[in-house]
């Protein structure tokens, strides 16, 4: 016996499976590219997300992880002389993360490697923009349900 909710549940399950599959492929892609540079996937993700100076909290949000995990990753990057902690210009309680010259050069190389054979490279710029908008809409509408 099927219920009226079953077609919706099947479509939801299939869509979740596709999103999960894409996330797994992206994760595998990042791990492979990071390994060629002697980085972990987490270190590569941190470098990819460091588009400019930012706080640890901002980086944690961009990496979608807990600040304590980000601290561990940044500690490793700092030991490799890729990132430095500087006093925050407006908040004396916070530190600002800044890429070193070596870190910036490695980030550039990483971005180049990530662009090669990316799981999203088969999409046109317009399709990527559409996917971005749809995923963002799903995330925002999902957050509204949990408030």
N, C-alpha and C. Protein backbone atom coordinates (compact mmCIF):
# COMPACT_ATOMS: atom_id res chain seq x y z
N UNK A 1 0.83 -1.17 0.00
CA UNK A 1 0.00 0.00 0.00
C UNK A 1 0.89 1.25 0.00
N UNK A 2 0.62 2.16 -0.90
CA UNK A 2 1.38 3.40 -0.95
C UNK A 2 0.55 4.53 -0.36
N UNK A 3 1.24 5.47 0.23
CA UNK A 3 0.56 6.62 0.80
C UNK A 3 0.74 7.81 -0.13
N UNK A 4 -0.01 8.86 0.12
CA UNK A 4 0.11 10.05 -0.73
C UNK A 4 1.46 10.74 -0.51
N UNK A 5 2.10 10.47 0.62
CA UNK A 5 3.40 11.09 0.90
C UNK A 5 4.56 10.31 0.28
N UNK A 6 4.31 9.08 -0.16
CA UNK A 6 5.40 8.24 -0.64
C UNK A 6 6.13 8.80 -1.86
N UNK A 7 5.47 9.30 -2.90
CA UNK A 7 6.22 9.87 -4.03
C UNK A 7 7.13 11.01 -3.59
N UNK A 8 6.65 11.84 -2.66
CA UNK A 8 7.47 12.94 -2.14
C UNK A 8 8.68 12.39 -1.40
N UNK A 9 8.47 11.36 -0.59
CA UNK A 9 9.56 10.76 0.18
C UNK A 9 10.60 10.13 -0.74
N UNK A 10 10.15 9.50 -1.82
CA UNK A 10 11.08 8.88 -2.77
C UNK A 10 11.91 9.96 -3.47
N UNK A 11 11.24 11.03 -3.91
CA UNK A 11 11.95 12.13 -4.58
C UNK A 11 12.95 12.77 -3.62
N UNK A 12 12.56 12.96 -2.38
CA UNK A 12 13.44 13.55 -1.37
C UNK A 12 14.66 12.65 -1.14
N UNK A 13 14.44 11.35 -1.02
CA UNK A 13 15.53 10.39 -0.81
C UNK A 13 16.49 10.40 -1.99
N UNK A 14 15.95 10.42 -3.20
CA UNK A 14 16.80 10.42 -4.40
C UNK A 14 17.63 11.71 -4.47
N UNK A 15 17.01 12.83 -4.18
CA UNK A 15 17.72 14.11 -4.21
C UNK A 15 18.81 14.14 -3.14
N UNK A 16 18.49 13.68 -1.95
CA UNK A 16 19.50 13.62 -0.88
C UNK A 16 20.65 12.71 -1.28
N UNK A 17 20.35 11.62 -1.94
CA UNK A 17 21.40 10.71 -2.42
C UNK A 17 22.31 11.39 -3.43
N UNK A 18 21.73 12.17 -4.32
CA UNK A 18 22.54 12.89 -5.32
C UNK A 18 23.43 13.95 -4.66
N UNK A 19 22.86 14.71 -3.74
CA UNK A 19 23.65 15.74 -3.05
C UNK A 19 24.78 15.08 -2.26
N UNK A 20 24.47 13.99 -1.57
CA UNK A 20 25.49 13.27 -0.82
C UNK A 20 26.57 12.71 -1.75
N UNK A 21 26.16 12.15 -2.87
CA UNK A 21 27.12 11.63 -3.84
C UNK A 21 28.03 12.71 -4.38
N UNK A 22 27.47 13.87 -4.67
CA UNK A 22 28.28 15.00 -5.14
C UNK A 22 29.26 15.45 -4.07
N UNK A 23 28.79 15.54 -2.83
CA UNK A 23 29.66 15.93 -1.72
C UNK A 23 30.82 14.94 -1.57
N UNK A 24 30.53 13.66 -1.71
CA UNK A 24 31.58 12.64 -1.61
C UNK A 24 32.59 12.79 -2.74
N UNK A 25 32.11 13.03 -3.96
CA UNK A 25 33.02 13.22 -5.09
C UNK A 25 33.88 14.46 -4.92
N UNK A 26 33.29 15.54 -4.43
CA UNK A 26 34.05 16.76 -4.19
C UNK A 26 35.10 16.51 -3.11
N UNK A 27 34.70 15.83 -2.03
CA UNK A 27 35.64 15.51 -0.96
C UNK A 27 36.81 14.67 -1.45
N UNK A 28 36.51 13.68 -2.28
CA UNK A 28 37.57 12.83 -2.85
C UNK A 28 38.49 13.65 -3.74
N UNK A 29 37.92 14.53 -4.52
CA UNK A 29 38.70 15.40 -5.41
C UNK A 29 39.65 16.29 -4.60
N UNK A 30 39.13 16.88 -3.53
CA UNK A 30 39.95 17.75 -2.67
C UNK A 30 41.06 16.92 -2.03
N UNK A 31 40.74 15.73 -1.49
CA UNK A 31 41.76 14.89 -0.86
C UNK A 31 42.88 14.54 -1.84
N UNK A 32 42.51 14.16 -3.07
CA UNK A 32 43.53 13.78 -4.07
C UNK A 32 44.43 14.97 -4.40
N UNK A 33 43.83 16.13 -4.64
CA UNK A 33 44.61 17.31 -5.01
C UNK A 33 45.47 17.78 -3.84
N UNK A 34 44.91 17.73 -2.63
CA UNK A 34 45.64 18.15 -1.44
C UNK A 34 46.87 17.26 -1.23
N UNK A 35 46.71 15.97 -1.43
CA UNK A 35 47.81 15.03 -1.22
C UNK A 35 48.99 15.33 -2.14
N UNK A 36 48.71 15.80 -3.35
CA UNK A 36 49.81 16.11 -4.27
C UNK A 36 50.64 17.30 -3.78
N UNK A 37 50.05 18.09 -2.88
CA UNK A 37 50.75 19.26 -2.32
C UNK A 37 51.23 18.99 -0.89
N UNK A 38 51.06 17.77 -0.41
CA UNK A 38 51.49 17.44 0.95
C UNK A 38 50.56 18.00 2.02
N UNK A 39 49.29 18.19 1.67
CA UNK A 39 48.31 18.74 2.60
C UNK A 39 47.23 17.71 2.90
N UNK A 40 46.58 17.87 4.04
CA UNK A 40 45.38 17.09 4.31
C UNK A 40 44.20 17.80 3.63
N UNK A 41 43.08 17.11 3.54
CA UNK A 41 41.89 17.73 2.94
C UNK A 41 41.45 18.94 3.76
N UNK A 42 41.54 18.85 5.08
CA UNK A 42 41.15 19.97 5.94
C UNK A 42 42.07 21.17 5.74
N UNK A 43 43.36 20.91 5.60
CA UNK A 43 44.30 22.01 5.36
C UNK A 43 44.01 22.65 4.00
N UNK A 44 43.73 21.83 3.00
CA UNK A 44 43.41 22.35 1.67
C UNK A 44 42.13 23.18 1.71
N UNK A 45 41.14 22.70 2.44
CA UNK A 45 39.88 23.44 2.55
C UNK A 45 40.12 24.78 3.22
N UNK A 46 40.92 24.80 4.28
CA UNK A 46 41.22 26.07 4.95
C UNK A 46 41.92 27.03 4.00
N UNK A 47 42.91 26.55 3.28
CA UNK A 47 43.62 27.42 2.32
C UNK A 47 42.68 27.92 1.24
N UNK A 48 41.84 27.03 0.72
CA UNK A 48 40.88 27.43 -0.32
C UNK A 48 39.97 28.54 0.19
N UNK A 49 39.54 28.44 1.42
CA UNK A 49 38.58 29.40 1.97
C UNK A 49 39.21 30.71 2.42
N UNK A 50 40.53 30.75 2.57
CA UNK A 50 41.20 31.96 3.05
C UNK A 50 41.45 32.92 1.88
N UNK A 51 40.39 33.57 1.46
CA UNK A 51 40.47 34.52 0.36
C UNK A 51 40.99 35.88 0.81
N UNK A 52 41.20 36.02 2.10
CA UNK A 52 41.72 37.26 2.67
C UNK A 52 41.84 37.07 4.17
N UNK A 53 42.31 38.11 4.87
CA UNK A 53 42.41 38.00 6.33
C UNK A 53 41.04 37.72 6.94
N UNK A 54 41.02 36.86 7.95
CA UNK A 54 39.76 36.52 8.62
C UNK A 54 40.04 35.96 10.00
N UNK A 55 39.01 35.97 10.82
CA UNK A 55 39.13 35.40 12.15
C UNK A 55 38.97 33.88 12.08
N UNK A 56 39.34 33.23 13.16
CA UNK A 56 39.17 31.78 13.25
C UNK A 56 37.70 31.41 13.11
N UNK A 57 36.83 32.19 13.73
CA UNK A 57 35.39 31.91 13.65
C UNK A 57 34.88 32.01 12.21
N UNK A 58 35.34 33.03 11.48
CA UNK A 58 34.94 33.17 10.08
C UNK A 58 35.42 31.98 9.25
N UNK A 59 36.65 31.56 9.50
CA UNK A 59 37.18 30.41 8.77
C UNK A 59 36.40 29.15 9.12
N UNK A 60 36.08 28.96 10.39
CA UNK A 60 35.30 27.79 10.81
C UNK A 60 33.95 27.76 10.10
N UNK A 61 33.31 28.92 9.99
CA UNK A 61 32.02 28.99 9.29
C UNK A 61 32.18 28.61 7.82
N UNK A 62 33.22 29.12 7.19
CA UNK A 62 33.46 28.81 5.77
C UNK A 62 33.79 27.34 5.56
N UNK A 63 34.46 26.74 6.55
CA UNK A 63 34.83 25.33 6.45
C UNK A 63 33.70 24.41 6.92
N UNK A 64 32.65 25.00 7.47
CA UNK A 64 31.52 24.24 8.03
C UNK A 64 31.99 23.25 9.09
N UNK A 65 32.78 23.76 10.03
CA UNK A 65 33.25 22.90 11.11
C UNK A 65 33.34 23.69 12.41
N UNK A 66 33.60 22.99 13.48
CA UNK A 66 33.72 23.60 14.80
C UNK A 66 35.01 24.43 14.89
N UNK A 67 34.96 25.55 15.62
CA UNK A 67 36.18 26.35 15.78
C UNK A 67 37.36 25.55 16.35
N UNK A 68 37.10 24.59 17.22
CA UNK A 68 38.20 23.80 17.78
C UNK A 68 38.90 22.99 16.69
N UNK A 69 38.15 22.46 15.73
CA UNK A 69 38.76 21.74 14.61
C UNK A 69 39.57 22.69 13.74
N UNK A 70 39.04 23.88 13.55
CA UNK A 70 39.74 24.88 12.74
C UNK A 70 41.05 25.28 13.41
N UNK A 71 41.03 25.39 14.73
CA UNK A 71 42.26 25.73 15.46
C UNK A 71 43.33 24.69 15.20
N UNK A 72 42.96 23.41 15.25
CA UNK A 72 43.91 22.33 15.00
C UNK A 72 44.50 22.45 13.60
N UNK A 73 43.66 22.71 12.60
CA UNK A 73 44.12 22.83 11.21
C UNK A 73 45.03 24.04 11.06
N UNK A 74 44.64 25.17 11.62
CA UNK A 74 45.44 26.39 11.51
C UNK A 74 46.78 26.23 12.23
N UNK A 75 46.78 25.54 13.36
CA UNK A 75 48.05 25.28 14.06
C UNK A 75 49.02 24.56 13.13
N UNK A 76 48.54 23.56 12.39
CA UNK A 76 49.39 22.82 11.45
C UNK A 76 49.88 23.73 10.32
N UNK A 77 48.98 24.55 9.78
CA UNK A 77 49.36 25.47 8.70
C UNK A 77 50.37 26.50 9.19
N UNK A 78 50.21 26.92 10.44
CA UNK A 78 51.14 27.89 11.01
C UNK A 78 52.53 27.26 11.18
N UNK A 79 52.57 26.01 11.60
CA UNK A 79 53.85 25.31 11.74
C UNK A 79 54.56 25.14 10.41
N UNK A 80 53.78 25.11 9.32
CA UNK A 80 54.34 25.00 7.97
C UNK A 80 54.65 26.37 7.37
N UNK A 81 54.50 27.42 8.17
CA UNK A 81 54.74 28.81 7.74
C UNK A 81 53.84 29.23 6.58
N UNK A 82 52.60 28.73 6.57
CA UNK A 82 51.65 29.08 5.53
C UNK A 82 50.65 30.13 6.00
N UNK A 83 50.44 30.21 7.32
CA UNK A 83 49.48 31.13 7.92
C UNK A 83 50.13 31.77 9.14
N UNK A 84 49.78 33.03 9.38
CA UNK A 84 50.21 33.72 10.58
C UNK A 84 48.99 34.26 11.30
N UNK A 85 49.09 34.36 12.62
CA UNK A 85 48.04 34.99 13.43
C UNK A 85 48.51 36.41 13.75
N UNK A 86 47.69 37.39 13.41
CA UNK A 86 48.00 38.79 13.68
C UNK A 86 46.93 39.36 14.60
N UNK A 87 47.25 40.42 15.34
CA UNK A 87 46.21 41.08 16.13
C UNK A 87 45.09 41.59 15.21
N UNK A 88 43.86 41.42 15.63
CA UNK A 88 42.72 41.92 14.85
C UNK A 88 42.73 43.44 14.90
N UNK A 89 42.48 44.13 13.78
CA UNK A 89 42.57 45.59 13.77
C UNK A 89 41.51 46.30 14.62
N UNK A 90 40.36 45.67 14.86
CA UNK A 90 39.29 46.35 15.61
C UNK A 90 38.82 45.61 16.85
N UNK A 91 39.23 44.34 17.01
CA UNK A 91 38.80 43.54 18.16
C UNK A 91 40.04 42.97 18.84
N UNK A 92 40.43 43.59 19.95
CA UNK A 92 41.68 43.16 20.57
C UNK A 92 41.60 41.78 21.20
N UNK A 93 40.39 41.21 21.32
CA UNK A 93 40.25 39.84 21.84
C UNK A 93 40.49 38.80 20.75
N UNK A 94 40.40 39.19 19.50
CA UNK A 94 40.47 38.25 18.38
C UNK A 94 41.82 38.33 17.66
N UNK A 95 42.13 37.24 17.01
CA UNK A 95 43.31 37.19 16.14
C UNK A 95 42.80 37.11 14.70
N UNK A 96 43.57 37.66 13.81
CA UNK A 96 43.24 37.60 12.39
C UNK A 96 44.23 36.66 11.71
N UNK A 97 43.70 35.74 10.93
CA UNK A 97 44.53 34.80 10.18
C UNK A 97 44.91 35.43 8.85
N UNK A 98 46.19 35.35 8.53
CA UNK A 98 46.69 35.94 7.29
C UNK A 98 47.63 34.93 6.64
N UNK A 99 47.44 34.73 5.34
CA UNK A 99 48.35 33.85 4.60
C UNK A 99 49.72 34.51 4.47
N UNK A 100 50.76 33.72 4.59
CA UNK A 100 52.11 34.20 4.31
C UNK A 100 52.29 34.22 2.80
N UNK A 101 53.39 34.75 2.33
CA UNK A 101 53.67 34.72 0.88
C UNK A 101 53.69 33.27 0.39
N UNK A 102 54.32 32.40 1.17
CA UNK A 102 54.36 30.97 0.81
C UNK A 102 52.96 30.37 0.81
N UNK A 103 52.14 30.76 1.80
CA UNK A 103 50.77 30.28 1.88
C UNK A 103 49.93 30.75 0.70
N UNK A 104 50.11 32.00 0.30
CA UNK A 104 49.38 32.54 -0.86
C UNK A 104 49.77 31.81 -2.14
N UNK A 105 51.06 31.54 -2.30
CA UNK A 105 51.52 30.83 -3.50
C UNK A 105 50.96 29.41 -3.53
N UNK A 106 50.96 28.75 -2.37
CA UNK A 106 50.43 27.39 -2.31
C UNK A 106 48.92 27.39 -2.55
N UNK A 107 48.22 28.40 -2.03
CA UNK A 107 46.78 28.51 -2.26
C UNK A 107 46.49 28.66 -3.75
N UNK A 108 47.27 29.48 -4.45
CA UNK A 108 47.10 29.66 -5.89
C UNK A 108 47.24 28.33 -6.62
N UNK A 109 48.29 27.59 -6.26
CA UNK A 109 48.54 26.28 -6.88
C UNK A 109 47.39 25.33 -6.58
N UNK A 110 46.92 25.35 -5.34
CA UNK A 110 45.80 24.49 -4.94
C UNK A 110 44.55 24.82 -5.76
N UNK A 111 44.24 26.11 -5.90
CA UNK A 111 43.05 26.50 -6.67
C UNK A 111 43.16 26.03 -8.12
N UNK A 112 44.35 26.12 -8.67
CA UNK A 112 44.57 25.62 -10.04
C UNK A 112 44.30 24.12 -10.11
N UNK A 113 44.84 23.37 -9.16
CA UNK A 113 44.65 21.91 -9.14
C UNK A 113 43.19 21.54 -8.93
N UNK A 114 42.50 22.26 -8.06
CA UNK A 114 41.10 21.95 -7.79
C UNK A 114 40.21 22.20 -9.00
N UNK A 115 40.62 23.11 -9.87
CA UNK A 115 39.83 23.43 -11.06
C UNK A 115 39.93 22.34 -12.13
N UNK A 116 41.00 21.53 -12.07
CA UNK A 116 41.21 20.48 -13.08
C UNK A 116 40.35 19.27 -12.75
N UNK A 117 39.52 18.88 -13.68
CA UNK A 117 38.65 17.70 -13.53
C UNK A 117 37.78 17.74 -12.29
N UNK A 118 37.33 18.92 -11.92
CA UNK A 118 36.44 19.07 -10.78
C UNK A 118 35.12 18.35 -11.06
N UNK A 119 34.48 17.79 -10.03
CA UNK A 119 33.17 17.17 -10.23
C UNK A 119 32.13 18.14 -10.80
N UNK A 120 32.40 19.43 -10.71
CA UNK A 120 31.47 20.44 -11.24
C UNK A 120 31.91 20.99 -12.59
N UNK A 121 33.04 20.52 -13.11
CA UNK A 121 33.57 21.09 -14.36
C UNK A 121 32.70 20.80 -15.58
N UNK A 122 31.80 19.84 -15.48
CA UNK A 122 30.90 19.56 -16.60
C UNK A 122 29.73 20.52 -16.71
N UNK A 123 29.60 21.39 -15.71
CA UNK A 123 28.51 22.36 -15.72
C UNK A 123 28.97 23.67 -16.34
N UNK A 124 28.06 24.33 -17.03
CA UNK A 124 28.35 25.65 -17.58
C UNK A 124 28.33 26.67 -16.43
N UNK A 125 28.88 27.85 -16.64
CA UNK A 125 28.79 28.87 -15.58
C UNK A 125 27.34 29.17 -15.18
N UNK A 126 26.43 29.17 -16.14
CA UNK A 126 25.02 29.42 -15.83
C UNK A 126 24.43 28.27 -14.99
N UNK A 127 24.81 27.04 -15.30
CA UNK A 127 24.31 25.89 -14.53
C UNK A 127 24.88 25.91 -13.11
N UNK A 128 26.15 26.31 -12.98
CA UNK A 128 26.74 26.43 -11.64
C UNK A 128 26.01 27.50 -10.84
N UNK A 129 25.69 28.61 -11.48
CA UNK A 129 24.98 29.69 -10.80
C UNK A 129 23.59 29.22 -10.38
N UNK A 130 22.91 28.48 -11.24
CA UNK A 130 21.59 27.95 -10.93
C UNK A 130 21.66 26.96 -9.77
N UNK A 131 22.63 26.04 -9.82
CA UNK A 131 22.82 25.07 -8.74
C UNK A 131 23.11 25.79 -7.43
N UNK A 132 23.97 26.79 -7.48
CA UNK A 132 24.30 27.58 -6.29
C UNK A 132 23.04 28.17 -5.68
N UNK A 133 22.23 28.79 -6.52
CA UNK A 133 21.00 29.41 -6.04
C UNK A 133 20.03 28.41 -5.44
N UNK A 134 19.89 27.26 -6.08
CA UNK A 134 18.98 26.23 -5.57
C UNK A 134 19.47 25.65 -4.25
N UNK A 135 20.75 25.38 -4.15
CA UNK A 135 21.30 24.84 -2.90
C UNK A 135 21.18 25.86 -1.77
N UNK A 136 21.48 27.11 -2.08
CA UNK A 136 21.37 28.17 -1.08
C UNK A 136 19.92 28.31 -0.62
N UNK A 137 18.99 28.24 -1.55
CA UNK A 137 17.57 28.34 -1.22
C UNK A 137 17.14 27.16 -0.34
N UNK A 138 17.61 25.97 -0.65
CA UNK A 138 17.26 24.79 0.15
C UNK A 138 17.82 24.93 1.56
N UNK A 139 19.03 25.43 1.68
CA UNK A 139 19.66 25.59 3.00
C UNK A 139 18.89 26.64 3.81
N UNK A 140 18.63 27.77 3.21
CA UNK A 140 17.94 28.87 3.92
C UNK A 140 16.52 28.45 4.31
N UNK A 141 15.81 27.79 3.40
CA UNK A 141 14.43 27.40 3.74
C UNK A 141 14.44 26.30 4.80
N UNK A 142 15.45 25.44 4.78
CA UNK A 142 15.58 24.40 5.80
C UNK A 142 15.89 24.98 7.17
N UNK A 143 16.65 26.08 7.20
CA UNK A 143 16.97 26.73 8.47
C UNK A 143 15.72 27.36 9.07
N UNK A 144 14.87 27.89 8.21
CA UNK A 144 13.64 28.51 8.68
C UNK A 144 12.73 27.53 9.39
N UNK A 145 12.75 26.26 8.99
CA UNK A 145 11.90 25.24 9.60
C UNK A 145 12.39 24.88 11.00
N UNK A 146 13.67 25.08 11.29
CA UNK A 146 14.24 24.66 12.58
C UNK A 146 14.27 25.79 13.60
N UNK A 147 13.73 26.91 13.28
CA UNK A 147 13.77 28.05 14.21
C UNK A 147 12.54 28.08 15.07
